[in-house]
Amino acid sequence: MEEPQPKRRRLSDTNEEDYTNKKPGELPASLSHPISPPRKKVARERKLISSPIRLTTIKDLPKESNVGAVSLHDLLGDPLIAECWEFNYLHNVDFLMSHFDEDTRSLVKVHIVHGFWKKDDLNRLSLEQQSAQYNNVTLHTAYMPEMFGTHHSKMLVLFRHDDTAQVIIHTANMISKDWTNMTNGVWQTPHLPRLANPQNTTEADMSTGSGPRFKADLLNYLRAYNSKRQVCKSMVEELKKYDFSAVRGALIASVPGKHDVNEDDPSKTLWGWAAIKHALRDIPVQAGKSEVIVQISSIATLGATDSWLKNTLFNSLSSPTRANVSKPKFKVIFPTPDELRRSLDGYASGGSIHMKIQSSTQTKQLQYMRPIFHHWANDCEKGIIEKGEIRDGGRKRAAPHIKTYIRYNENKSIDWALLTSANISKQAWGEATNGSGQIRIASWEIGVLVWPGLFDGKAKMVGTFMKDTPTKEDLEGDEPLVGLRIPYSLPLQRYGESEVPWVATARYTVPDWTGRVWEG
């Protein structure tokens, strides 16, 4: 019989200690070395980015409703402001000047760009009378080639004594009412430093949403003012010297005249609906169902059929068709007389909010728009409330003058958002293309388009309510979150069958909460 194989010796046997020779109380060597506890897994802190769009402060709302909101003094009160270019539709020079620092307001070079080209226009005469009181205010009249166009853009361009510049795009007229109790929005660039070498732009990133692309489009917009007279040539030459690389956003503007729509030359800028349609080609959208909520303060007469609304404007806002991405559903937010009646300024707020429903064409327009009309305040007795989590925007009683176009997806996030001066009108966005492949635009407008990828390649955007910064719980996952300040409350409330939009030219005999009626 064979002898059994010797047992294999454990490798550790060679290193075993002889405990028989240990002195009393002496620890084994294996226990005398320091032992580090296992490293704890540190949870990665979720990156949270504040909303690129802010709301203006509301005088008669409580403090909690004005968290993160910005006042006109916040924008203009810095004593380092050396020069201000103010573009707008309505202006009150005294109101504007009162918001500069009191010690330096007489030193700031103020330029006001308006569209009142008729010399006997009462608005122009008032502007001239007011500005004559200030040695540092210069008026400039924009070229207005279209009879029914307006200079509707709302923008501030600031140059500062610390060699920085800033561009502010907003939605408020430069009058007290718009900055007091009406809802408006503001988008600001950071303070832009002067370029070390203004001539060196050879390798600039000209992709949609980049700073250099924004700068090129903004300068092209400003140069359009100089087509017939030198309105702001000096400002363009100065603004060229600043570094826009920190800017995140796409300029979406309108310039009056006839324009080509099929332009892929990066040195050229598209205008009106062609601009937003072109920009949306480069912006990713989430798969699945989506809706674009258009929230405006005026709706022009668009025609007896919905051809322009659907085939031109809504089509340009739909983004190119991609796999698993369906065409968005459209909703329009516009206030009713009941909402104006209960607003902070009552019917007086309605002077800035316009739609007409009296003529035959306008009645037909109301018929095709009624199914997509939704309330501003979303707390009306006759409205039909939609399903969804209740979120309070904090602006129910502050009547809207803001204009936003936002694409929401079914994953509870936002694909893109536009803050603009442009309402729903052919004058603002442009007619449908003619036989020559051109569009005709009547008005000056300006806005900025933002989306989550501008701020972080993996980011998602979520609506924030009564605050600018999201919380990590606002959306599942750990990717960076960009907030977007939503001015209205959700879920939306669709118009009831008998409800109609506010009409500023109509007469309302039911008193508002202040006891006043509206004579139209």
Protein backbone atom coordinates (compact mmCIF):
# COMPACT_ATOMS: atom_id res chain seq x y z
CA MET A 1 0.00 0.00 0.00
CA GLU A 2 1.33 3.40 -1.04
CA GLU A 3 2.15 5.92 1.62
CA PRO A 4 -0.23 8.91 1.71
CA GLN A 5 0.99 12.13 0.10
CA PRO A 6 2.19 14.72 2.61
CA LYS A 7 -0.35 17.47 3.20
CA ARG A 8 0.26 20.69 1.31
CA ARG A 9 1.59 23.35 3.52
CA ARG A 10 -0.23 26.68 3.52
CA LEU A 11 1.89 29.51 2.19
CA SER A 12 1.08 31.47 5.30
CA ASP A 13 2.62 28.71 7.45
CA THR A 14 6.08 30.03 6.72
CA ASN A 15 5.12 33.35 8.29
CA GLU A 16 3.25 32.02 11.30
CA GLU A 17 4.37 33.39 14.62
CA ASP A 18 5.52 31.21 17.49
CA TYR A 19 3.15 32.24 20.26
CA THR A 20 4.81 29.87 22.75
CA ASN A 21 7.81 32.18 23.16
CA LYS A 22 5.74 35.40 23.68
CA LYS A 23 6.19 37.25 26.94
CA PRO A 24 3.08 37.77 29.06
CA GLY A 25 1.10 40.78 27.81
CA GLU A 26 3.00 41.03 24.55
CA LEU A 27 0.74 41.40 21.47
CA PRO A 28 1.29 39.42 18.33
CA ALA A 29 3.15 41.39 15.68
CA SER A 30 0.14 41.14 13.37
CA LEU A 31 -1.87 43.19 15.86
CA SER A 32 0.80 45.78 16.55
CA HIS A 33 0.52 47.50 13.10
CA PRO A 34 -1.92 50.42 12.73
CA ILE A 35 -5.10 49.47 10.91
CA SER A 36 -6.79 52.06 8.64
CA PRO A 37 -10.56 51.87 8.39
CA PRO A 38 -11.93 51.21 4.91
CA ARG A 39 -12.28 54.38 2.88
CA LYS A 40 -15.83 55.73 2.87
CA LYS A 41 -17.42 56.29 -0.50
CA VAL A 42 -17.96 60.02 -0.84
CA ALA A 43 -21.14 60.80 -2.74
CA ARG A 44 -20.45 63.18 -5.62
CA GLU A 45 -22.14 66.51 -4.99
CA ARG A 46 -24.66 67.27 -7.70
CA LYS A 47 -23.81 70.39 -9.69
CA LEU A 48 -26.62 72.95 -9.50
CA ILE A 49 -26.67 75.93 -11.87
CA SER A 50 -28.88 79.00 -11.38
CA SER A 51 -31.39 80.05 -14.00
CA PRO A 52 -29.91 82.10 -16.87
CA ILE A 53 -33.24 83.96 -17.00
CA ARG A 54 -34.37 86.04 -14.03
CA LEU A 55 -37.64 87.78 -13.21
CA THR A 56 -38.01 91.44 -12.38
CA THR A 57 -39.04 92.46 -8.86
CA ILE A 58 -42.71 93.10 -8.15
CA LYS A 59 -43.35 96.03 -5.81
CA ASP A 60 -46.58 94.81 -4.20
CA LEU A 61 -45.68 91.16 -3.73
CA PRO A 62 -44.11 89.74 -0.54
CA LYS A 63 -40.39 89.16 -0.16
CA GLU A 64 -40.63 85.40 -0.75
CA SER A 65 -42.09 86.06 -4.21
CA ASN A 66 -39.08 88.21 -5.16
CA VAL A 67 -36.32 85.72 -4.31
CA GLY A 68 -33.66 86.06 -7.01
CA ALA A 69 -35.59 88.79 -8.83
CA VAL A 70 -33.77 91.81 -10.26
CA SER A 71 -34.75 95.49 -10.23
CA LEU A 72 -33.81 98.21 -12.72
CA HIS A 73 -31.59 99.77 -10.06
CA ASP A 74 -29.76 96.44 -9.75
CA LEU A 75 -28.98 96.69 -13.47
CA LEU A 76 -28.11 100.40 -13.70
CA GLY A 77 -27.16 101.51 -10.17
CA ASP A 78 -23.43 100.69 -10.39
CA PRO A 79 -21.36 103.92 -10.20
CA LEU A 80 -18.78 102.33 -12.52
CA ILE A 81 -21.15 102.57 -15.51
CA ALA A 82 -19.65 105.06 -17.95
CA GLU A 83 -21.96 104.67 -20.98
CA CYS A 84 -25.40 103.18 -21.54
CA TRP A 85 -27.18 102.36 -24.78
CA GLU A 86 -30.89 101.81 -24.15
CA PHE A 87 -33.02 100.16 -26.87
CA ASN A 88 -36.79 100.02 -26.36
CA TYR A 89 -40.29 100.72 -27.60
CA LEU A 90 -41.59 103.04 -24.86
CA HIS A 91 -39.26 105.29 -22.87
CA ASN A 92 -39.53 107.63 -19.91
CA VAL A 93 -36.24 109.51 -19.71
CA ASP A 94 -36.75 110.74 -16.14
CA PHE A 95 -37.56 107.20 -14.99
CA LEU A 96 -34.47 105.81 -16.74
CA MET A 97 -32.12 108.44 -15.35
CA SER A 98 -33.43 108.01 -11.79
CA HIS A 99 -32.00 104.47 -11.67
CA PHE A 100 -28.37 105.39 -12.26
CA ASP A 101 -26.19 106.03 -9.22
CA GLU A 102 -27.12 109.47 -7.91
CA ASP A 103 -23.49 110.60 -7.70
CA THR A 104 -22.63 109.65 -11.28
CA ARG A 105 -25.91 109.83 -13.25
CA SER A 106 -25.01 113.24 -14.72
CA LEU A 107 -21.71 111.77 -15.99
CA VAL A 108 -23.05 108.62 -17.68
CA LYS A 109 -23.25 108.97 -21.47
CA VAL A 110 -26.80 107.81 -22.18
CA HIS A 111 -27.98 106.89 -25.69
CA ILE A 112 -31.67 106.13 -26.27
CA VAL A 113 -32.64 104.24 -29.44
CA HIS A 114 -36.34 104.53 -30.38
CA GLY A 115 -38.56 103.97 -33.42
CA PHE A 116 -40.71 107.10 -33.48
CA TRP A 117 -39.72 108.35 -36.94
CA LYS A 118 -42.63 110.76 -37.47
CA LYS A 119 -41.55 114.20 -36.27
CA ASP A 120 -45.06 115.01 -34.99
CA ASP A 121 -45.40 111.71 -33.07
CA LEU A 122 -46.41 112.56 -29.51
CA ASN A 123 -44.08 109.88 -28.14
CA ARG A 124 -41.17 111.45 -30.03
CA LEU A 125 -42.07 114.96 -28.90
CA SER A 126 -42.24 113.76 -25.28
CA LEU A 127 -38.85 112.06 -25.60
CA GLU A 128 -37.29 115.20 -27.04
CA GLN A 129 -38.77 117.37 -24.31
CA GLN A 130 -37.58 115.08 -21.51
CA SER A 131 -34.08 114.46 -22.90
CA ALA A 132 -33.51 118.22 -23.36
CA GLN A 133 -33.25 118.43 -19.55
CA TYR A 134 -30.12 116.24 -19.56
CA ASN A 135 -26.85 117.24 -21.20
CA ASN A 136 -25.67 113.62 -21.20
CA VAL A 137 -28.65 112.07 -23.09
CA THR A 138 -28.61 111.55 -26.87
CA LEU A 139 -31.59 110.31 -28.88
CA HIS A 140 -31.25 108.03 -31.92
CA THR A 141 -34.10 107.12 -34.30
CA ALA A 142 -34.01 103.59 -35.71
CA TYR A 143 -34.66 103.13 -39.40
CA MET A 144 -38.28 101.95 -39.80
CA PRO A 145 -38.91 100.84 -43.40
CA GLU A 146 -42.19 99.00 -42.71
CA MET A 147 -45.40 100.98 -42.09
CA PHE A 148 -46.78 98.62 -39.43
CA GLY A 149 -43.47 97.85 -37.75
CA THR A 150 -42.27 99.02 -34.33
CA HIS A 151 -38.92 99.31 -32.61
CA HIS A 152 -39.89 96.65 -30.07
CA SER A 153 -36.44 95.37 -28.97
CA LYS A 154 -35.58 95.77 -25.29
CA MET A 155 -31.86 95.78 -24.56
CA LEU A 156 -29.21 97.60 -22.54
CA VAL A 157 -25.55 97.74 -23.57
CA LEU A 158 -23.30 99.03 -20.78
CA PHE A 159 -19.65 100.13 -20.85
CA ARG A 160 -17.91 100.49 -17.50
CA HIS A 161 -14.93 102.39 -16.11
CA ASP A 162 -13.23 99.09 -15.18
CA ASP A 163 -12.84 98.23 -18.89
CA THR A 164 -15.72 95.76 -18.97
CA ALA A 165 -18.96 95.74 -20.95
CA GLN A 166 -22.31 94.02 -20.42
CA VAL A 167 -25.32 93.18 -22.59
CA ILE A 168 -28.76 92.87 -20.98
CA ILE A 169 -31.74 91.54 -22.94
CA HIS A 170 -35.12 91.95 -21.25
CA THR A 171 -38.86 92.34 -21.86
CA ALA A 172 -39.88 95.57 -20.08
CA ASN A 173 -40.58 98.96 -21.61
CA MET A 174 -38.53 101.71 -20.01
CA ILE A 175 -41.52 103.05 -18.08
CA SER A 176 -42.47 102.79 -14.42
CA LYS A 177 -45.48 100.51 -14.90
CA ASP A 178 -43.47 97.71 -16.48
CA TRP A 179 -40.88 97.68 -13.66
CA THR A 180 -43.38 97.93 -10.79
CA ASN A 181 -46.20 95.37 -10.83
CA MET A 182 -45.93 93.58 -14.17
CA THR A 183 -44.06 90.34 -14.74
CA ASN A 184 -40.97 90.74 -16.92
CA GLY A 185 -37.76 88.80 -17.54
CA VAL A 186 -34.04 89.60 -17.78
CA TRP A 187 -31.04 87.83 -19.28
CA GLN A 188 -27.54 89.23 -18.65
CA THR A 189 -24.07 88.50 -19.92
CA PRO A 190 -21.26 88.41 -17.37
CA HIS A 191 -19.03 91.49 -17.26
CA LEU A 192 -17.04 91.14 -20.48
CA PRO A 193 -13.33 92.06 -20.33
CA ARG A 194 -11.52 93.90 -23.12
CA LEU A 195 -9.65 91.67 -25.54
CA ALA A 196 -5.88 91.68 -25.24
CA ASN A 197 -5.65 91.39 -29.03
CA PRO A 198 -8.96 92.39 -30.72
CA GLN A 199 -7.63 91.38 -34.14
CA ASN A 200 -6.94 87.74 -33.22
CA THR A 201 -10.21 85.88 -33.89
CA THR A 202 -8.85 83.16 -36.17
CA GLU A 203 -9.84 80.08 -34.11
CA ALA A 204 -13.05 81.34 -32.53
CA ASP A 205 -15.75 78.74 -31.82
CA MET A 206 -18.66 79.82 -34.03
CA SER A 207 -21.04 77.03 -33.02
CA THR A 208 -24.62 77.91 -32.03
CA GLY A 209 -24.72 79.12 -28.43
CA SER A 210 -21.03 79.99 -28.17
CA GLY A 211 -19.80 83.41 -27.09
CA PRO A 212 -18.10 84.27 -30.40
CA ARG A 213 -21.24 83.29 -32.33
CA PHE A 214 -23.39 85.43 -30.04
CA LYS A 215 -21.02 88.35 -30.53
CA ALA A 216 -21.07 88.01 -34.32
CA ASP A 217 -24.87 87.91 -34.41
CA LEU A 218 -25.21 90.83 -31.98
CA LEU A 219 -22.81 92.98 -34.00
CA ASN A 220 -24.69 92.11 -37.20
CA TYR A 221 -27.93 93.12 -35.47
CA LEU A 222 -26.44 96.44 -34.36
CA ARG A 223 -24.93 97.11 -37.80
CA ALA A 224 -28.44 96.83 -39.27
CA TYR A 225 -29.29 100.12 -37.51
CA ASN A 226 -26.64 101.80 -39.64
CA SER A 227 -28.07 100.82 -43.03
CA LYS A 228 -29.47 104.33 -43.73
CA ARG A 229 -27.83 106.50 -41.08
CA GLN A 230 -25.08 106.07 -38.50
CA VAL A 231 -27.25 105.25 -35.48
CA CYS A 232 -24.81 103.24 -33.40
CA LYS A 233 -21.65 102.81 -35.46
CA SER A 234 -19.40 104.10 -32.65
CA MET A 235 -20.90 101.60 -30.22
CA VAL A 236 -20.37 98.70 -32.62
CA GLU A 237 -16.72 99.63 -33.04
CA GLU A 238 -16.29 99.78 -29.26
CA LEU A 239 -18.15 96.52 -28.52
CA LYS A 240 -15.93 94.64 -30.99
CA LYS A 241 -13.05 95.14 -28.54
CA TYR A 242 -14.61 92.96 -25.81
CA ASP A 243 -14.28 89.25 -25.08
CA PHE A 244 -17.61 87.36 -25.32
CA SER A 245 -16.12 83.89 -24.72
CA ALA A 246 -17.96 83.52 -21.37
CA VAL A 247 -21.37 84.13 -22.94
CA ARG A 248 -23.73 81.14 -23.23
CA GLY A 249 -26.79 81.68 -25.41
CA ALA A 250 -27.97 82.13 -28.99
CA LEU A 251 -29.18 85.53 -30.15
CA ILE A 252 -32.61 85.35 -31.82
CA ALA A 253 -33.50 88.74 -33.28
CA SER A 254 -35.61 90.41 -35.97
CA VAL A 255 -34.58 93.21 -38.30
CA PRO A 256 -37.13 94.96 -40.55
CA GLY A 257 -36.88 94.30 -44.29
CA LYS A 258 -36.68 91.36 -46.68
CA HIS A 259 -34.21 88.61 -45.83
CA ASP A 260 -32.96 85.31 -47.23
CA VAL A 261 -33.85 82.27 -45.13
CA ASN A 262 -31.45 79.67 -46.56
CA GLU A 263 -28.18 81.16 -45.36
CA ASP A 264 -25.47 78.86 -43.98
CA ASP A 265 -22.62 81.38 -44.10
CA PRO A 266 -21.50 81.72 -40.43
CA SER A 267 -20.65 85.39 -41.02
CA LYS A 268 -24.32 86.06 -41.87
CA THR A 269 -27.15 86.18 -39.36
CA LEU A 270 -30.67 84.92 -39.92
CA TRP A 271 -33.61 86.91 -38.57
CA GLY A 272 -37.11 86.16 -37.29
CA TRP A 273 -38.55 82.67 -37.46
CA ALA A 274 -35.68 81.60 -39.73
CA ALA A 275 -33.25 82.37 -36.89
CA ILE A 276 -34.94 80.15 -34.33
CA LYS A 277 -35.52 77.39 -36.86
CA HIS A 278 -31.84 77.40 -37.78
CA ALA A 279 -30.67 77.46 -34.14
CA LEU A 280 -32.91 74.55 -33.12
CA ARG A 281 -31.19 72.29 -35.66
CA ASP A 282 -28.20 72.13 -33.30
CA ILE A 283 -30.05 71.70 -30.00
CA PRO A 284 -30.71 68.14 -28.76
CA VAL A 285 -34.20 67.32 -27.49
CA GLN A 286 -35.38 64.43 -25.32
CA ALA A 287 -37.15 61.47 -26.92
CA GLY A 288 -40.86 61.01 -26.47
CA LYS A 289 -43.73 63.47 -26.21
CA SER A 290 -43.19 67.16 -25.64
CA GLU A 291 -45.01 70.46 -25.60
CA VAL A 292 -43.97 74.01 -26.44
CA ILE A 293 -45.64 76.56 -24.18
CA VAL A 294 -45.78 80.00 -25.81
CA GLN A 295 -46.45 82.70 -23.23
CA ILE A 296 -46.85 86.22 -24.64
CA SER A 297 -48.52 89.58 -23.94
CA SER A 298 -49.86 90.41 -27.42
CA ILE A 299 -51.31 88.50 -30.37
CA ALA A 300 -51.69 90.26 -33.71
CA THR A 301 -54.25 89.53 -36.39
CA LEU A 302 -52.84 86.44 -38.11
CA GLY A 303 -55.52 85.62 -40.69
CA ALA A 304 -58.77 83.72 -41.00
CA THR A 305 -56.97 80.35 -41.07
CA ASP A 306 -54.18 78.97 -38.90
CA SER A 307 -51.84 78.59 -41.90
CA TRP A 308 -49.18 81.08 -40.75
CA LEU A 309 -49.44 80.10 -37.07
CA LYS A 310 -48.99 76.37 -37.71
CA ASN A 311 -46.94 76.21 -40.89
CA THR A 312 -44.59 79.12 -40.24
CA LEU A 313 -44.27 79.99 -36.55
CA PHE A 314 -45.05 76.66 -34.86
CA ASN A 315 -43.15 74.75 -37.53
CA SER A 316 -40.03 76.82 -36.88
CA LEU A 317 -40.35 76.08 -33.14
CA SER A 318 -40.79 72.33 -33.61
CA SER A 319 -37.12 71.31 -33.99
CA PRO A 320 -36.08 68.96 -36.81
CA THR A 321 -37.70 65.50 -36.74
CA ARG A 322 -35.42 62.92 -35.08
CA ALA A 323 -35.77 59.24 -34.22
CA ASN A 324 -38.17 58.66 -31.29
CA VAL A 325 -38.99 62.38 -31.13
CA SER A 326 -42.52 63.40 -32.03
CA LYS A 327 -43.71 66.85 -33.03
CA PRO A 328 -44.49 68.93 -29.93
CA LYS A 329 -47.95 69.94 -28.88
CA PHE A 330 -48.45 73.73 -28.67
CA LYS A 331 -50.13 75.72 -25.93
CA VAL A 332 -50.51 79.50 -25.69
CA ILE A 333 -50.74 81.39 -22.40
CA PHE A 334 -52.71 84.65 -22.59
CA PRO A 335 -54.72 86.35 -19.82
CA THR A 336 -58.50 86.76 -19.68
CA PRO A 337 -60.40 89.85 -18.47
CA ASP A 338 -60.98 88.09 -15.12
CA GLU A 339 -57.22 87.72 -14.60
CA LEU A 340 -56.57 91.39 -15.41
CA ARG A 341 -59.46 92.40 -13.13
CA ARG A 342 -57.74 90.64 -10.20
CA SER A 343 -54.16 91.67 -11.04
CA LEU A 344 -52.17 93.99 -8.76
CA ASP A 345 -52.82 97.04 -10.96
CA GLY A 346 -56.28 95.89 -12.03
CA TYR A 347 -57.43 96.80 -15.51
CA ALA A 348 -54.58 99.31 -15.82
CA SER A 349 -52.25 96.38 -16.50
CA GLY A 350 -54.24 95.63 -19.64
CA GLY A 351 -53.00 98.69 -21.49
CA SER A 352 -49.88 96.71 -22.42
CA ILE A 353 -51.67 93.46 -23.35
CA HIS A 354 -53.26 93.23 -26.78
CA MET A 355 -55.47 91.02 -28.92
CA LYS A 356 -58.48 91.89 -31.07
CA ILE A 357 -61.51 89.65 -31.64
CA GLN A 358 -64.02 92.06 -33.15
CA SER A 359 -63.73 91.69 -36.94
CA SER A 360 -64.78 88.64 -38.97
CA THR A 361 -61.15 87.59 -39.50
CA GLN A 362 -60.36 88.06 -35.83
CA THR A 363 -63.41 86.01 -34.80
CA LYS A 364 -62.21 83.14 -36.99
CA GLN A 365 -58.75 83.48 -35.46
CA LEU A 366 -60.25 83.16 -31.98
CA GLN A 367 -61.99 79.96 -33.07
CA TYR A 368 -58.78 78.23 -34.12
CA MET A 369 -56.75 79.56 -31.19
CA ARG A 370 -59.30 78.87 -28.44
CA PRO A 371 -58.41 75.14 -28.13
CA ILE A 372 -54.77 76.05 -27.35
CA PHE A 373 -55.46 79.07 -25.10
CA HIS A 374 -54.46 78.72 -21.43
CA HIS A 375 -54.68 81.05 -18.47
CA TRP A 376 -51.85 83.09 -16.98
CA ALA A 377 -52.91 82.81 -13.32
CA ASN A 378 -54.40 79.29 -13.59
CA ASP A 379 -56.88 79.92 -10.79
CA CYS A 380 -59.99 80.97 -12.72
CA GLU A 381 -63.45 79.57 -11.92
CA LYS A 382 -64.32 78.61 -15.51
CA GLY A 383 -60.94 77.27 -16.57
CA ILE A 384 -60.22 73.57 -17.07
CA ILE A 385 -57.24 72.52 -14.95
CA GLU A 386 -54.81 69.98 -16.38
CA LYS A 387 -53.17 67.10 -14.51
CA GLY A 388 -49.80 67.54 -12.87
CA GLU A 389 -47.88 68.59 -9.80
CA ILE A 390 -48.90 71.99 -8.46
CA ARG A 391 -46.03 74.50 -8.76
CA ASP A 392 -46.51 78.17 -7.84
CA GLY A 393 -44.61 80.66 -10.01
CA GLY A 394 -45.38 83.47 -7.56
CA ARG A 395 -46.66 85.84 -10.25
CA LYS A 396 -50.40 85.06 -10.52
CA ARG A 397 -51.42 88.62 -9.65
CA ALA A 398 -48.58 90.34 -11.54
CA ALA A 399 -49.93 90.66 -15.09
CA PRO A 400 -47.59 89.35 -17.81
CA HIS A 401 -45.49 91.52 -20.07
CA ILE A 402 -42.79 88.83 -20.28
CA LYS A 403 -42.56 86.63 -23.41
CA THR A 404 -41.26 83.07 -23.09
CA TYR A 405 -41.22 80.09 -25.44
CA ILE A 406 -40.31 76.86 -23.58
CA ARG A 407 -40.13 73.24 -24.73
CA TYR A 408 -41.02 70.76 -21.97
CA ASN A 409 -40.46 67.02 -22.45
CA GLU A 410 -42.20 64.02 -20.90
CA ASN A 411 -39.17 63.32 -18.69
CA LYS A 412 -40.04 66.34 -16.50
CA SER A 413 -37.19 68.43 -17.87
CA ILE A 414 -36.83 71.30 -20.36
CA ASP A 415 -35.17 71.04 -23.77
CA TRP A 416 -34.79 74.78 -24.48
CA ALA A 417 -36.19 78.19 -23.56
CA LEU A 418 -36.42 81.54 -25.32
CA LEU A 419 -36.81 84.92 -23.61
CA THR A 420 -37.70 87.57 -26.18
CA SER A 421 -39.49 90.80 -26.97
CA ALA A 422 -41.32 89.03 -29.81
CA ASN A 423 -45.04 88.32 -29.40
CA ILE A 424 -47.16 86.20 -31.74
CA SER A 425 -47.24 88.34 -34.88
CA LYS A 426 -46.10 88.35 -38.48
CA GLN A 427 -44.54 91.76 -37.86
CA ALA A 428 -42.26 90.29 -35.19
CA TRP A 429 -41.40 86.87 -36.62
CA GLY A 430 -41.82 87.52 -40.35
CA GLU A 431 -44.23 86.48 -43.07
CA ALA A 432 -44.10 83.06 -44.70
CA THR A 433 -41.44 82.80 -47.41
CA ASN A 434 -42.26 84.35 -50.76
CA GLY A 435 -41.47 82.93 -54.18
CA SER A 436 -37.90 84.22 -53.96
CA GLY A 437 -37.21 82.34 -50.72
CA GLN A 438 -37.29 85.53 -48.63
CA ILE A 439 -39.20 86.57 -45.55
CA ARG A 440 -40.50 90.04 -44.79
CA ILE A 441 -40.15 91.36 -41.25
CA ALA A 442 -41.68 94.64 -40.03
CA SER A 443 -40.33 95.14 -36.48
CA TRP A 444 -37.12 95.18 -34.49
CA GLU A 445 -37.09 92.39 -31.88
CA ILE A 446 -34.41 90.72 -29.76
CA GLY A 447 -34.22 87.65 -27.56
CA VAL A 448 -31.90 84.92 -26.32
CA LEU A 449 -32.23 81.13 -26.58
CA VAL A 450 -30.77 78.87 -23.86
CA TRP A 451 -30.60 75.10 -23.30
CA PRO A 452 -28.91 72.81 -20.73
CA GLY A 453 -25.97 71.72 -22.88
CA LEU A 454 -24.63 75.28 -22.90
CA PHE A 455 -23.71 75.01 -19.24
CA ASP A 456 -22.53 71.39 -19.03
CA GLY A 457 -22.45 68.67 -21.65
CA LYS A 458 -24.37 66.25 -19.40
CA ALA A 459 -26.72 68.79 -17.80
CA LYS A 460 -30.50 68.78 -17.76
CA MET A 461 -32.75 71.80 -17.28
CA VAL A 462 -35.68 71.94 -14.88
CA GLY A 463 -38.23 74.59 -14.07
CA THR A 464 -37.69 76.48 -10.83
CA PHE A 465 -40.55 78.25 -9.07
CA MET A 466 -40.16 81.27 -6.78
CA LYS A 467 -36.38 80.69 -6.84
CA ASP A 468 -33.58 80.62 -9.43
CA THR A 469 -31.52 77.62 -8.31
CA PRO A 470 -32.79 74.03 -8.55
CA THR A 471 -32.40 71.44 -5.79
CA LYS A 472 -30.83 68.03 -6.30
CA GLU A 473 -34.23 66.43 -5.73
CA ASP A 474 -35.87 68.28 -8.64
CA LEU A 475 -34.97 65.48 -11.06
CA GLU A 476 -33.81 61.89 -10.60
CA GLY A 477 -30.17 61.16 -11.43
CA ASP A 478 -26.85 62.80 -10.64
CA GLU A 479 -26.20 64.82 -13.80
CA PRO A 480 -25.80 68.61 -13.40
CA LEU A 481 -29.07 70.53 -13.14
CA VAL A 482 -29.71 73.96 -14.70
CA GLY A 483 -32.65 75.90 -13.30
CA LEU A 484 -35.07 77.88 -15.43
CA ARG A 485 -37.19 80.43 -13.58
CA ILE A 486 -40.81 79.87 -14.63
CA PRO A 487 -43.04 82.95 -14.31
CA TYR A 488 -46.39 81.14 -14.39
CA SER A 489 -47.84 78.39 -12.20
CA LEU A 490 -48.31 74.77 -13.24
CA PRO A 491 -50.31 72.79 -14.15
CA LEU A 492 -51.86 75.04 -16.77
CA GLN A 493 -55.57 75.79 -16.93
CA ARG A 494 -57.22 75.68 -20.35
CA TYR A 495 -59.85 78.28 -21.28
CA GLY A 496 -63.43 77.26 -20.57
CA GLU A 497 -65.87 77.18 -23.50
CA SER A 498 -67.28 80.64 -22.77
CA GLU A 499 -63.98 82.34 -21.92
CA VAL A 500 -62.30 84.86 -24.22
CA PRO A 501 -58.92 86.62 -24.08
CA TRP A 502 -58.45 90.14 -22.76
CA VAL A 503 -59.08 92.80 -25.43
CA ALA A 504 -57.63 96.21 -24.58
CA THR A 505 -59.97 98.01 -27.01
CA ALA A 506 -63.11 96.45 -25.49
CA ARG A 507 -65.20 97.93 -22.67
CA TYR A 508 -65.42 96.17 -19.29
CA THR A 509 -68.10 97.40 -16.89
CA VAL A 510 -67.51 94.88 -14.09
CA PRO A 511 -65.22 96.81 -11.71
CA ASP A 512 -61.75 95.50 -11.02
CA TRP A 513 -60.61 94.96 -7.44
CA THR A 514 -59.73 98.67 -7.16
CA GLY A 515 -63.28 99.65 -8.15
CA ARG A 516 -62.40 100.92 -11.63
CA VAL A 517 -64.01 99.98 -14.95
CA TRP A 518 -62.27 99.84 -18.35
CA GLU A 519 -63.56 102.03 -21.15
CA GLY A 520 -61.36 100.47 -23.85
